[in-house]
N, C-alpha and C. Protein backbone atom coordinates (compact mmCIF):
# COMPACT_ATOMS: atom_id res chain seq x y z
N MET A 1 111.74 43.87 91.09
CA MET A 1 111.81 45.28 89.83
C MET A 1 112.60 45.44 89.32
N LYS A 2 112.70 46.03 88.11
CA LYS A 2 113.58 46.25 86.78
C LYS A 2 114.30 47.18 87.31
N LYS A 3 115.59 47.53 87.60
CA LYS A 3 116.28 48.73 87.71
C LYS A 3 116.96 48.99 86.53
N THR A 4 117.17 50.80 86.48
CA THR A 4 116.89 51.24 85.26
C THR A 4 117.85 52.51 85.93
N ASN A 5 118.70 52.48 84.72
CA ASN A 5 119.83 53.97 84.78
C ASN A 5 119.10 55.50 83.85
N GLU A 6 118.35 55.25 83.48
CA GLU A 6 117.64 56.32 82.43
C GLU A 6 117.00 57.07 83.18
N LEU A 7 117.52 58.78 83.46
CA LEU A 7 116.79 59.01 83.70
C LEU A 7 115.67 59.68 83.92
N PRO A 8 114.29 59.72 84.41
CA PRO A 8 112.66 60.01 84.77
C PRO A 8 112.79 61.33 83.51
N ALA A 9 111.81 60.77 82.84
CA ALA A 9 111.21 62.08 82.21
C ALA A 9 110.80 64.06 83.12
N LEU A 10 110.22 63.54 83.96
CA LEU A 10 110.29 64.08 84.64
C LEU A 10 110.99 64.66 85.97
N THR A 11 110.82 66.07 86.09
CA THR A 11 111.57 66.61 87.00
C THR A 11 111.03 66.37 88.50
N HIS A 12 111.11 66.37 89.70
CA HIS A 12 110.05 66.49 90.61
C HIS A 12 109.56 67.35 90.88
N LEU A 13 109.49 68.59 90.49
CA LEU A 13 108.49 69.55 91.00
C LEU A 13 107.40 69.24 89.20
N GLN A 14 107.42 68.69 88.39
CA GLN A 14 106.05 68.30 87.07
C GLN A 14 106.20 66.90 87.78
N PHE A 15 106.45 65.84 88.28
CA PHE A 15 106.16 65.00 89.38
C PHE A 15 105.05 65.63 90.08
N ARG A 16 105.24 66.03 90.59
CA ARG A 16 104.37 66.47 91.66
C ARG A 16 103.34 67.52 91.43
N ILE A 17 103.71 68.24 90.24
CA ILE A 17 102.04 69.04 89.31
C ILE A 17 101.53 67.60 88.96
N ILE A 18 102.09 66.45 88.47
CA ILE A 18 100.66 66.03 87.73
C ILE A 18 100.25 64.47 89.12
N ASP A 19 100.74 64.69 90.42
CA ASP A 19 100.39 64.06 91.56
C ASP A 19 99.55 64.65 91.85
N ILE A 20 99.76 66.52 91.93
CA ILE A 20 98.15 67.15 91.95
C ILE A 20 96.60 66.69 91.34
N ILE A 21 97.21 66.96 89.87
CA ILE A 21 96.19 67.17 89.32
C ILE A 21 95.45 65.22 89.44
N GLY A 22 96.47 64.43 89.08
CA GLY A 22 95.92 62.90 89.02
C GLY A 22 94.83 62.70 87.99
N ALA A 23 93.61 62.25 88.13
CA ALA A 23 92.64 61.70 87.23
C ALA A 23 91.54 63.23 86.67
N LYS A 24 91.60 64.40 87.59
CA LYS A 24 90.63 65.05 87.21
C LYS A 24 90.91 66.52 86.38
N LYS A 25 90.20 67.06 86.58
CA LYS A 25 90.04 68.77 85.65
C LYS A 25 90.59 69.45 86.69
N VAL A 26 91.58 70.40 86.52
CA VAL A 26 92.22 71.12 87.73
C VAL A 26 92.87 72.56 87.32
N ARG A 27 92.34 73.77 88.22
CA ARG A 27 92.62 74.75 87.37
C ARG A 27 93.83 75.58 87.93
N GLY A 28 94.92 75.83 86.70
CA GLY A 28 95.70 76.21 87.71
C GLY A 28 96.00 77.04 88.94
N ALA A 29 94.92 77.97 89.65
CA ALA A 29 95.37 78.42 90.00
C ALA A 29 95.40 77.27 91.23
N GLU A 30 94.50 76.06 91.37
CA GLU A 30 94.25 75.63 92.67
C GLU A 30 95.88 74.91 92.50
N ILE A 31 96.97 74.25 91.65
CA ILE A 31 97.68 73.88 91.25
C ILE A 31 98.50 74.40 92.02
N ARG A 32 98.62 75.66 91.82
CA ARG A 32 99.25 76.73 92.57
C ARG A 32 99.82 77.13 94.11
N ASP A 33 98.14 76.88 94.37
CA ASP A 33 97.84 76.39 95.45
C ASP A 33 98.66 75.77 96.42
N GLN A 34 97.96 74.90 96.03
CA GLN A 34 97.93 73.03 96.47
C GLN A 34 99.84 73.20 95.94
N LEU A 35 100.53 73.64 95.39
CA LEU A 35 102.41 73.41 95.84
C LEU A 35 102.66 74.37 96.94
N LYS A 36 102.14 75.55 96.73
CA LYS A 36 102.60 76.37 98.00
C LYS A 36 102.13 75.91 99.84
N ARG A 37 100.28 75.41 99.28
CA ARG A 37 99.94 75.23 100.77
C ARG A 37 100.91 74.00 101.26
N GLU A 38 100.53 72.91 100.44
CA GLU A 38 101.45 71.14 101.41
C GLU A 38 102.57 70.99 100.61
N HIS A 39 103.59 72.00 99.79
CA HIS A 39 104.59 70.90 99.26
C HIS A 39 105.71 72.96 99.60
N LYS A 40 105.49 74.00 100.22
CA LYS A 40 106.04 75.34 100.23
C LYS A 40 106.50 75.58 99.14
N VAL A 41 105.74 75.20 97.63
CA VAL A 41 107.06 75.58 96.36
C VAL A 41 106.05 76.53 96.27
N SER A 42 106.98 78.00 95.89
CA SER A 42 106.23 79.36 95.38
C SER A 42 106.79 79.84 94.27
N LYS A 43 105.78 79.77 93.61
CA LYS A 43 105.80 79.82 91.82
C LYS A 43 105.57 81.51 91.81
N THR A 44 105.70 82.45 91.01
CA THR A 44 105.00 83.64 90.52
C THR A 44 104.62 83.08 89.38
N GLY A 45 103.24 84.02 88.88
CA GLY A 45 102.19 83.34 88.41
C GLY A 45 102.86 82.76 86.46
N PRO A 46 103.66 84.37 86.29
CA PRO A 46 104.73 83.87 84.92
C PRO A 46 105.67 82.24 84.88
N ALA A 47 106.33 82.35 86.23
CA ALA A 47 107.63 81.25 86.65
C ALA A 47 106.51 80.03 86.77
N PHE A 48 105.00 80.08 87.02
CA PHE A 48 103.91 78.97 87.08
C PHE A 48 103.67 78.66 85.56
N TYR A 49 103.34 79.38 85.12
CA TYR A 49 102.92 79.37 83.57
C TYR A 49 103.53 78.49 82.80
N GLN A 50 104.78 79.33 82.90
CA GLN A 50 105.62 78.72 81.89
C GLN A 50 106.11 77.65 82.61
N LEU A 51 106.05 76.42 83.54
CA LEU A 51 106.64 75.62 83.67
C LEU A 51 105.15 74.57 83.53
N MET A 52 104.02 75.07 83.33
CA MET A 52 102.78 74.16 82.35
C MET A 52 103.24 74.39 81.34
N ALA A 53 103.35 75.17 80.28
CA ALA A 53 103.44 75.61 79.32
C ALA A 53 104.84 74.51 78.50
N ARG A 54 106.04 73.55 78.94
CA ARG A 54 106.69 73.12 79.16
C ARG A 54 105.79 71.33 79.02
N LEU A 55 104.91 71.17 79.62
CA LEU A 55 104.73 70.17 80.45
C LEU A 55 103.69 70.44 79.04
N GLU A 56 102.47 71.19 78.99
CA GLU A 56 102.02 71.03 77.85
C GLU A 56 102.82 70.97 76.43
N GLU A 57 103.61 71.79 76.02
CA GLU A 57 104.58 71.04 74.88
C GLU A 57 105.33 69.55 75.42
N ALA A 58 105.65 68.92 76.03
CA ALA A 58 105.82 67.76 75.84
C ALA A 58 104.40 66.52 75.87
N LYS A 59 103.92 67.12 75.72
CA LYS A 59 102.13 66.08 75.76
C LYS A 59 101.42 65.90 76.98
N PHE A 60 102.58 65.94 78.38
CA PHE A 60 102.00 65.23 79.27
C PHE A 60 100.86 66.06 80.31
N VAL A 61 100.35 67.41 79.77
CA VAL A 61 99.26 67.48 80.10
C VAL A 61 98.50 68.47 78.80
N GLU A 62 97.28 68.17 79.38
CA GLU A 62 96.07 69.09 77.99
C GLU A 62 95.64 70.74 79.09
N GLY A 63 96.27 71.28 78.45
CA GLY A 63 95.18 73.00 79.47
C GLY A 63 94.43 73.46 78.21
N TRP A 64 93.11 74.17 78.96
CA TRP A 64 92.33 75.30 77.67
C TRP A 64 91.87 75.93 78.50
N TYR A 65 91.56 77.20 78.27
CA TYR A 65 90.50 77.68 79.20
C TYR A 65 89.11 78.16 79.39
N GLU A 66 88.63 78.60 80.17
CA GLU A 66 87.42 78.00 80.74
C GLU A 66 86.78 79.50 81.27
N GLN A 67 85.64 80.23 81.25
CA GLN A 67 84.97 80.98 80.93
C GLN A 67 84.17 81.04 82.50
N GLU A 68 83.89 81.53 83.29
CA GLU A 68 82.92 81.56 84.86
C GLU A 68 82.33 82.90 85.02
N VAL A 69 81.25 83.13 85.06
CA VAL A 69 81.25 84.76 85.58
C VAL A 69 81.08 84.66 87.23
N ILE A 70 81.57 85.56 87.90
CA ILE A 70 81.88 85.89 89.29
C ILE A 70 81.54 86.95 88.97
N ASP A 71 80.62 87.33 90.16
CA ASP A 71 80.23 88.51 90.37
C ASP A 71 79.90 89.61 89.41
N GLY A 72 79.15 88.81 88.39
CA GLY A 72 79.05 89.85 87.24
C GLY A 72 80.35 90.40 86.50
N GLN A 73 81.01 89.41 86.60
CA GLN A 73 82.88 89.45 86.61
C GLN A 73 82.41 88.61 85.55
N ILE A 74 83.61 88.52 84.07
CA ILE A 74 83.97 87.56 83.56
C ILE A 74 85.03 86.94 83.51
N ILE A 75 85.85 85.77 84.24
CA ILE A 75 87.26 85.25 84.78
C ILE A 75 87.30 84.54 83.77
N LYS A 76 88.39 84.46 82.97
CA LYS A 76 89.17 83.23 82.19
C LYS A 76 89.96 82.30 83.51
N GLN A 77 89.84 81.04 83.07
CA GLN A 77 90.43 80.72 84.06
C GLN A 77 91.54 79.35 83.39
N ARG A 78 92.47 79.01 83.40
CA ARG A 78 92.92 78.11 82.89
C ARG A 78 92.92 76.67 83.30
N CYS A 79 93.00 75.62 82.99
CA CYS A 79 92.30 74.50 83.63
C CYS A 79 93.94 73.31 82.87
N TYR A 80 93.68 71.84 83.71
CA TYR A 80 94.31 71.66 82.79
C TYR A 80 93.87 69.73 83.61
N ARG A 81 94.35 68.74 82.82
CA ARG A 81 94.12 67.28 82.98
C ARG A 81 95.60 66.52 82.50
N VAL A 82 95.75 65.41 83.03
CA VAL A 82 96.72 64.56 82.67
C VAL A 82 96.77 63.64 81.25
N THR A 83 97.86 64.14 80.53
CA THR A 83 97.29 62.78 79.44
C THR A 83 98.28 61.72 79.42
N GLY A 84 97.53 60.89 79.03
CA GLY A 84 97.73 59.08 79.09
C GLY A 84 99.65 59.50 78.89
N GLN A 85 100.17 59.75 77.87
CA GLN A 85 101.66 59.66 78.35
C GLN A 85 102.02 61.00 79.25
N GLY A 86 101.57 61.51 79.84
CA GLY A 86 102.09 61.99 81.01
C GLY A 86 101.72 61.45 82.56
N GLU A 87 100.94 60.10 82.64
CA GLU A 87 100.47 59.50 83.03
C GLU A 87 101.53 58.48 83.66
N ARG A 88 102.15 57.67 81.91
CA ARG A 88 103.01 56.91 81.84
C ARG A 88 104.46 57.35 82.41
N ALA A 89 104.83 58.91 82.03
CA ALA A 89 105.79 59.37 82.98
C ALA A 89 105.91 59.19 84.66
N ARG A 90 104.70 60.17 85.40
CA ARG A 90 104.49 59.84 86.59
C ARG A 90 104.42 58.70 86.51
N ARG A 91 103.87 57.86 86.47
CA ARG A 91 104.54 55.84 86.76
C ARG A 91 106.35 55.87 86.90
N ASP A 92 106.62 55.59 85.21
CA ASP A 92 107.84 55.23 85.03
C ASP A 92 108.89 56.72 86.29
N THR A 93 108.42 57.88 86.20
CA THR A 93 109.47 58.41 87.74
C THR A 93 109.64 57.68 88.80
N LEU A 94 107.73 57.09 89.39
CA LEU A 94 107.93 56.84 90.27
C LEU A 94 108.22 55.45 90.24
N GLN A 95 108.72 54.47 89.61
CA GLN A 95 108.94 53.12 89.32
C GLN A 95 111.07 53.42 89.31
N PHE A 96 111.43 54.61 89.29
CA PHE A 96 112.95 54.97 89.41
C PHE A 96 113.23 55.56 90.40
N TYR A 97 112.59 56.29 91.52
CA TYR A 97 113.07 56.71 92.81
C TYR A 97 112.29 55.43 93.67
N SER A 98 111.74 54.58 93.44
CA SER A 98 111.14 53.72 94.16
C SER A 98 112.77 52.77 94.45
N GLN A 99 113.26 52.65 93.45
CA GLN A 99 114.11 51.28 93.23
C GLN A 99 115.57 51.50 94.25
N PHE A 100 115.56 53.18 94.07
CA PHE A 100 116.27 53.27 95.53
C PHE A 100 115.54 53.75 96.81
N ALA A 101 114.45 53.39 97.35
CA ALA A 101 113.98 53.38 98.24
C ALA A 101 114.37 51.80 98.84
N GLU A 102 113.51 50.99 98.13
CA GLU A 102 114.22 49.42 98.01
C GLU A 102 115.53 49.13 98.53
N GLY A 103 116.13 49.84 97.63
CA GLY A 103 117.76 49.29 97.87
C GLY A 103 118.40 49.52 99.12
N SER A 104 117.56 50.98 99.69
CA SER A 104 117.95 51.78 101.27
C SER A 104 117.28 50.94 102.16
N ALA A 105 116.35 50.13 102.30
CA ALA A 105 116.02 49.03 103.48
C ALA A 105 116.96 47.97 103.31
N ALA A 106 118.05 48.39 102.58
CA ALA A 106 119.15 46.98 103.07
C ALA A 106 119.59 47.15 103.68
N TYR A 107 119.75 48.88 104.26
CA TYR A 107 121.47 48.94 104.54
C TYR A 107 119.97 49.66 106.17
N ALA A 108 119.19 49.51 106.46
CA ALA A 108 118.55 49.79 107.88
C ALA A 108 118.65 48.44 108.87
């Protein structure tokens, strides 16, 4: 594997979010819930959606609103999917950190 000193484009939290979304469409509320439940990361609504807006501005995810009717109420929810650029950034980040994991095995 080629070693690189160039830092990845994604932070650990951005990486985790892109990994959660994967190849499917995911509602923002589901992402927040999974971050809290499985990764013990709790973000307020505004902080979470600001983070998602940054991922959108960087073209790592696409976001849009969908409406559904629940118990007679119209609910608007933000949905996301990973772009090709986001998937490349995820792979690059994984490759960057895996070079350290491989190096640490030599010391075990």
